[in-house]
Amino acid sequence: MKSSVTKRSILVRGHKTSVSLEEAFWIAVKEISGERGTTPSALVSDIDRRRQLGNLSSAIRLFVLDHFRTAAGAMRSTDSLRPPDVTF
């Protein structure tokens, strides 16, 4: 399977830079920024500001992974509050 890595230019903290990510991660960045009422550039700038190690592409991937893991965990804890389905 061929990787769908796409290189895009994006404004990060006032500087134009190129970031290479798989298309699924670009879609996730757009989705998350939309949920937060911000732009992809502002979201990536925030990720860049907070990262401690690694390159920006890796930091974005880890941020997206953490975002969806957290969302999945919240869904699991909500599901545990529902009574179990009973079938007769």
N, C-alpha and C. Protein backbone atom coordinates (compact mmCIF):
# COMPACT_ATOMS: atom_id res chain seq x y z
N MET A 1 0.84 -1.17 0.00
CA MET A 1 0.00 0.00 0.00
C MET A 1 0.89 1.25 0.00
N LYS A 2 0.65 2.14 -0.92
CA LYS A 2 1.44 3.34 -1.02
C LYS A 2 0.95 4.39 -0.03
N SER A 3 1.89 5.05 0.63
CA SER A 3 1.55 6.09 1.59
C SER A 3 1.03 7.33 0.88
N SER A 4 0.05 7.97 1.46
CA SER A 4 -0.53 9.15 0.85
C SER A 4 -0.03 10.42 1.54
N VAL A 5 1.28 10.50 1.72
CA VAL A 5 1.87 11.67 2.37
C VAL A 5 1.75 12.87 1.44
N THR A 6 1.24 13.96 2.01
CA THR A 6 1.07 15.19 1.26
C THR A 6 1.84 16.29 1.96
N LYS A 7 2.62 17.02 1.19
CA LYS A 7 3.37 18.15 1.74
C LYS A 7 2.57 19.41 1.47
N ARG A 8 2.31 20.18 2.54
CA ARG A 8 1.54 21.41 2.40
C ARG A 8 2.27 22.55 3.10
N SER A 9 2.08 23.73 2.55
CA SER A 9 2.60 24.94 3.20
C SER A 9 1.54 25.44 4.17
N ILE A 10 2.01 25.85 5.34
CA ILE A 10 1.09 26.33 6.37
C ILE A 10 1.79 27.42 7.17
N LEU A 11 1.02 28.38 7.63
CA LEU A 11 1.55 29.47 8.43
C LEU A 11 1.59 29.02 9.89
N VAL A 12 2.80 28.94 10.45
CA VAL A 12 2.97 28.50 11.83
C VAL A 12 3.65 29.61 12.61
N ARG A 13 2.94 30.18 13.56
CA ARG A 13 3.43 31.27 14.39
C ARG A 13 4.04 32.40 13.55
N GLY A 14 3.33 32.73 12.48
CA GLY A 14 3.73 33.84 11.63
C GLY A 14 4.75 33.53 10.57
N HIS A 15 5.18 32.27 10.47
CA HIS A 15 6.17 31.88 9.47
C HIS A 15 5.62 30.77 8.60
N LYS A 16 5.82 30.90 7.30
CA LYS A 16 5.36 29.87 6.38
C LYS A 16 6.34 28.70 6.42
N THR A 17 5.79 27.50 6.58
CA THR A 17 6.63 26.30 6.61
C THR A 17 5.91 25.17 5.88
N SER A 18 6.64 24.16 5.50
CA SER A 18 6.06 22.99 4.84
C SER A 18 5.98 21.85 5.84
N VAL A 19 4.85 21.15 5.81
CA VAL A 19 4.65 20.01 6.69
C VAL A 19 4.17 18.84 5.85
N SER A 20 4.77 17.69 6.06
CA SER A 20 4.38 16.48 5.34
C SER A 20 3.59 15.57 6.27
N LEU A 21 2.35 15.28 5.88
CA LEU A 21 1.47 14.40 6.66
C LEU A 21 0.63 13.55 5.71
N GLU A 22 0.22 12.40 6.19
CA GLU A 22 -0.73 11.60 5.44
C GLU A 22 -2.06 12.36 5.36
N GLU A 23 -2.79 12.11 4.30
CA GLU A 23 -4.05 12.83 4.07
C GLU A 23 -5.02 12.68 5.25
N ALA A 24 -5.04 11.52 5.87
CA ALA A 24 -5.94 11.30 7.02
C ALA A 24 -5.63 12.28 8.15
N PHE A 25 -4.37 12.60 8.35
CA PHE A 25 -4.01 13.54 9.41
C PHE A 25 -4.38 14.97 9.03
N TRP A 26 -4.24 15.33 7.75
CA TRP A 26 -4.70 16.68 7.32
C TRP A 26 -6.20 16.82 7.54
N ILE A 27 -6.93 15.76 7.22
CA ILE A 27 -8.39 15.79 7.43
C ILE A 27 -8.70 15.94 8.92
N ALA A 28 -7.97 15.21 9.76
CA ALA A 28 -8.19 15.29 11.20
C ALA A 28 -7.87 16.68 11.74
N VAL A 29 -6.80 17.29 11.26
CA VAL A 29 -6.43 18.65 11.70
C VAL A 29 -7.56 19.62 11.35
N LYS A 30 -8.10 19.50 10.15
CA LYS A 30 -9.21 20.37 9.76
C LYS A 30 -10.43 20.12 10.64
N GLU A 31 -10.73 18.86 10.91
CA GLU A 31 -11.88 18.50 11.74
C GLU A 31 -11.73 19.04 13.17
N ILE A 32 -10.58 18.83 13.76
CA ILE A 32 -10.34 19.28 15.14
C ILE A 32 -10.36 20.80 15.22
N SER A 33 -9.73 21.46 14.26
CA SER A 33 -9.74 22.93 14.29
C SER A 33 -11.16 23.46 14.13
N GLY A 34 -11.97 22.80 13.31
CA GLY A 34 -13.36 23.20 13.15
C GLY A 34 -14.15 23.03 14.44
N GLU A 35 -13.92 21.91 15.14
CA GLU A 35 -14.58 21.68 16.43
C GLU A 35 -14.23 22.77 17.43
N ARG A 36 -13.00 23.25 17.35
CA ARG A 36 -12.51 24.25 18.30
C ARG A 36 -12.77 25.68 17.85
N GLY A 37 -13.35 25.83 16.66
CA GLY A 37 -13.64 27.16 16.15
C GLY A 37 -12.40 27.97 15.81
N THR A 38 -11.39 27.28 15.30
CA THR A 38 -10.15 27.94 14.94
C THR A 38 -9.71 27.47 13.55
N THR A 39 -8.59 27.92 13.10
CA THR A 39 -8.08 27.52 11.79
C THR A 39 -7.05 26.41 11.95
N PRO A 40 -6.81 25.65 10.88
CA PRO A 40 -5.73 24.67 10.95
C PRO A 40 -4.38 25.31 11.29
N SER A 41 -4.11 26.49 10.74
CA SER A 41 -2.84 27.18 11.05
C SER A 41 -2.72 27.50 12.52
N ALA A 42 -3.81 27.98 13.12
CA ALA A 42 -3.77 28.32 14.55
C ALA A 42 -3.59 27.05 15.39
N LEU A 43 -4.26 25.97 15.01
CA LEU A 43 -4.12 24.71 15.73
C LEU A 43 -2.69 24.19 15.64
N VAL A 44 -2.12 24.19 14.43
CA VAL A 44 -0.75 23.70 14.25
C VAL A 44 0.23 24.62 14.98
N SER A 45 -0.04 25.91 15.00
CA SER A 45 0.82 26.84 15.76
C SER A 45 0.81 26.48 17.24
N ASP A 46 -0.36 26.13 17.76
CA ASP A 46 -0.47 25.74 19.17
C ASP A 46 0.28 24.43 19.42
N ILE A 47 0.14 23.48 18.52
CA ILE A 47 0.87 22.21 18.64
C ILE A 47 2.37 22.48 18.62
N ASP A 48 2.81 23.34 17.72
CA ASP A 48 4.23 23.68 17.61
C ASP A 48 4.74 24.33 18.90
N ARG A 49 3.96 25.21 19.46
CA ARG A 49 4.35 25.92 20.68
C ARG A 49 4.51 24.96 21.85
N ARG A 50 3.67 23.92 21.90
CA ARG A 50 3.66 23.00 23.03
C ARG A 50 4.62 21.82 22.88
N ARG A 51 5.08 21.55 21.67
CA ARG A 51 5.91 20.34 21.49
C ARG A 51 7.25 20.50 22.19
N GLN A 52 7.75 19.37 22.66
CA GLN A 52 9.01 19.38 23.38
C GLN A 52 10.11 18.70 22.57
N LEU A 53 9.77 17.64 21.88
CA LEU A 53 10.76 16.88 21.11
C LEU A 53 10.19 16.55 19.75
N GLY A 54 11.04 16.14 18.85
CA GLY A 54 10.61 15.66 17.55
C GLY A 54 10.28 16.77 16.58
N ASN A 55 9.99 16.36 15.37
CA ASN A 55 9.66 17.35 14.34
C ASN A 55 8.17 17.67 14.38
N LEU A 56 7.79 18.70 13.65
CA LEU A 56 6.42 19.17 13.68
C LEU A 56 5.43 18.12 13.16
N SER A 57 5.80 17.42 12.10
CA SER A 57 4.90 16.39 11.56
C SER A 57 4.59 15.32 12.61
N SER A 58 5.60 14.88 13.34
CA SER A 58 5.40 13.89 14.39
C SER A 58 4.54 14.46 15.51
N ALA A 59 4.78 15.71 15.88
CA ALA A 59 3.99 16.34 16.94
C ALA A 59 2.52 16.42 16.55
N ILE A 60 2.25 16.71 15.29
CA ILE A 60 0.85 16.77 14.82
C ILE A 60 0.21 15.40 14.88
N ARG A 61 0.93 14.37 14.41
CA ARG A 61 0.39 13.01 14.46
C ARG A 61 0.07 12.59 15.90
N LEU A 62 0.97 12.87 16.82
CA LEU A 62 0.75 12.51 18.22
C LEU A 62 -0.41 13.30 18.82
N PHE A 63 -0.55 14.57 18.45
CA PHE A 63 -1.67 15.37 18.92
C PHE A 63 -3.00 14.78 18.44
N VAL A 64 -3.07 14.43 17.16
CA VAL A 64 -4.30 13.86 16.59
C VAL A 64 -4.61 12.53 17.28
N LEU A 65 -3.61 11.69 17.46
CA LEU A 65 -3.81 10.41 18.15
C LEU A 65 -4.36 10.64 19.55
N ASP A 66 -3.75 11.55 20.30
CA ASP A 66 -4.20 11.84 21.65
C ASP A 66 -5.63 12.39 21.66
N HIS A 67 -5.95 13.25 20.71
CA HIS A 67 -7.29 13.82 20.63
C HIS A 67 -8.35 12.73 20.48
N PHE A 68 -8.12 11.81 19.56
CA PHE A 68 -9.11 10.76 19.32
C PHE A 68 -9.09 9.68 20.40
N ARG A 69 -7.94 9.42 21.01
CA ARG A 69 -7.90 8.50 22.15
C ARG A 69 -8.71 9.06 23.32
N THR A 70 -8.54 10.35 23.57
CA THR A 70 -9.29 11.00 24.65
C THR A 70 -10.79 10.95 24.37
N ALA A 71 -11.16 11.22 23.12
CA ALA A 71 -12.58 11.17 22.75
C ALA A 71 -13.13 9.76 22.91
N ALA A 72 -12.36 8.76 22.52
CA ALA A 72 -12.80 7.37 22.64
C ALA A 72 -12.94 6.98 24.10
N GLY A 73 -12.02 7.45 24.95
CA GLY A 73 -12.09 7.16 26.38
C GLY A 73 -13.32 7.78 27.00
N ALA A 74 -13.65 8.99 26.58
CA ALA A 74 -14.85 9.67 27.10
C ALA A 74 -16.10 8.91 26.68
N MET A 75 -16.10 8.39 25.46
CA MET A 75 -17.26 7.62 25.00
C MET A 75 -17.40 6.33 25.80
N ARG A 76 -16.28 5.67 26.09
CA ARG A 76 -16.33 4.42 26.86
C ARG A 76 -16.84 4.68 28.27
N SER A 77 -16.42 5.76 28.91
CA SER A 77 -16.88 6.03 30.27
C SER A 77 -18.35 6.40 30.28
N THR A 78 -18.84 7.06 29.24
CA THR A 78 -20.26 7.38 29.13
C THR A 78 -21.07 6.11 28.92
N ASP A 79 -20.54 5.20 28.09
CA ASP A 79 -21.23 3.93 27.84
C ASP A 79 -21.37 3.11 29.12
N SER A 80 -20.42 3.20 30.03
CA SER A 80 -20.48 2.41 31.25
C SER A 80 -21.56 2.91 32.20
N LEU A 81 -22.06 4.12 31.97
CA LEU A 81 -23.12 4.66 32.80
C LEU A 81 -24.50 4.19 32.36
N ARG A 82 -24.60 3.69 31.13
CA ARG A 82 -25.89 3.22 30.62
C ARG A 82 -26.18 1.84 31.16
N PRO A 83 -27.44 1.55 31.41
CA PRO A 83 -27.77 0.18 31.83
C PRO A 83 -27.51 -0.77 30.66
N PRO A 84 -27.12 -2.00 30.95
CA PRO A 84 -26.86 -2.95 29.86
C PRO A 84 -28.13 -3.29 29.09
N ASP A 85 -27.95 -3.58 27.82
CA ASP A 85 -29.10 -4.03 27.02
C ASP A 85 -29.48 -5.43 27.46
N VAL A 86 -30.74 -5.63 27.67
CA VAL A 86 -31.22 -6.94 28.11
C VAL A 86 -32.08 -7.51 27.00
N THR A 87 -31.80 -8.74 26.61
CA THR A 87 -32.57 -9.41 25.58
C THR A 87 -33.27 -10.61 26.19
N PHE A 88 -34.51 -10.77 25.85
CA PHE A 88 -35.29 -11.89 26.37
C PHE A 88 -35.57 -12.86 25.28
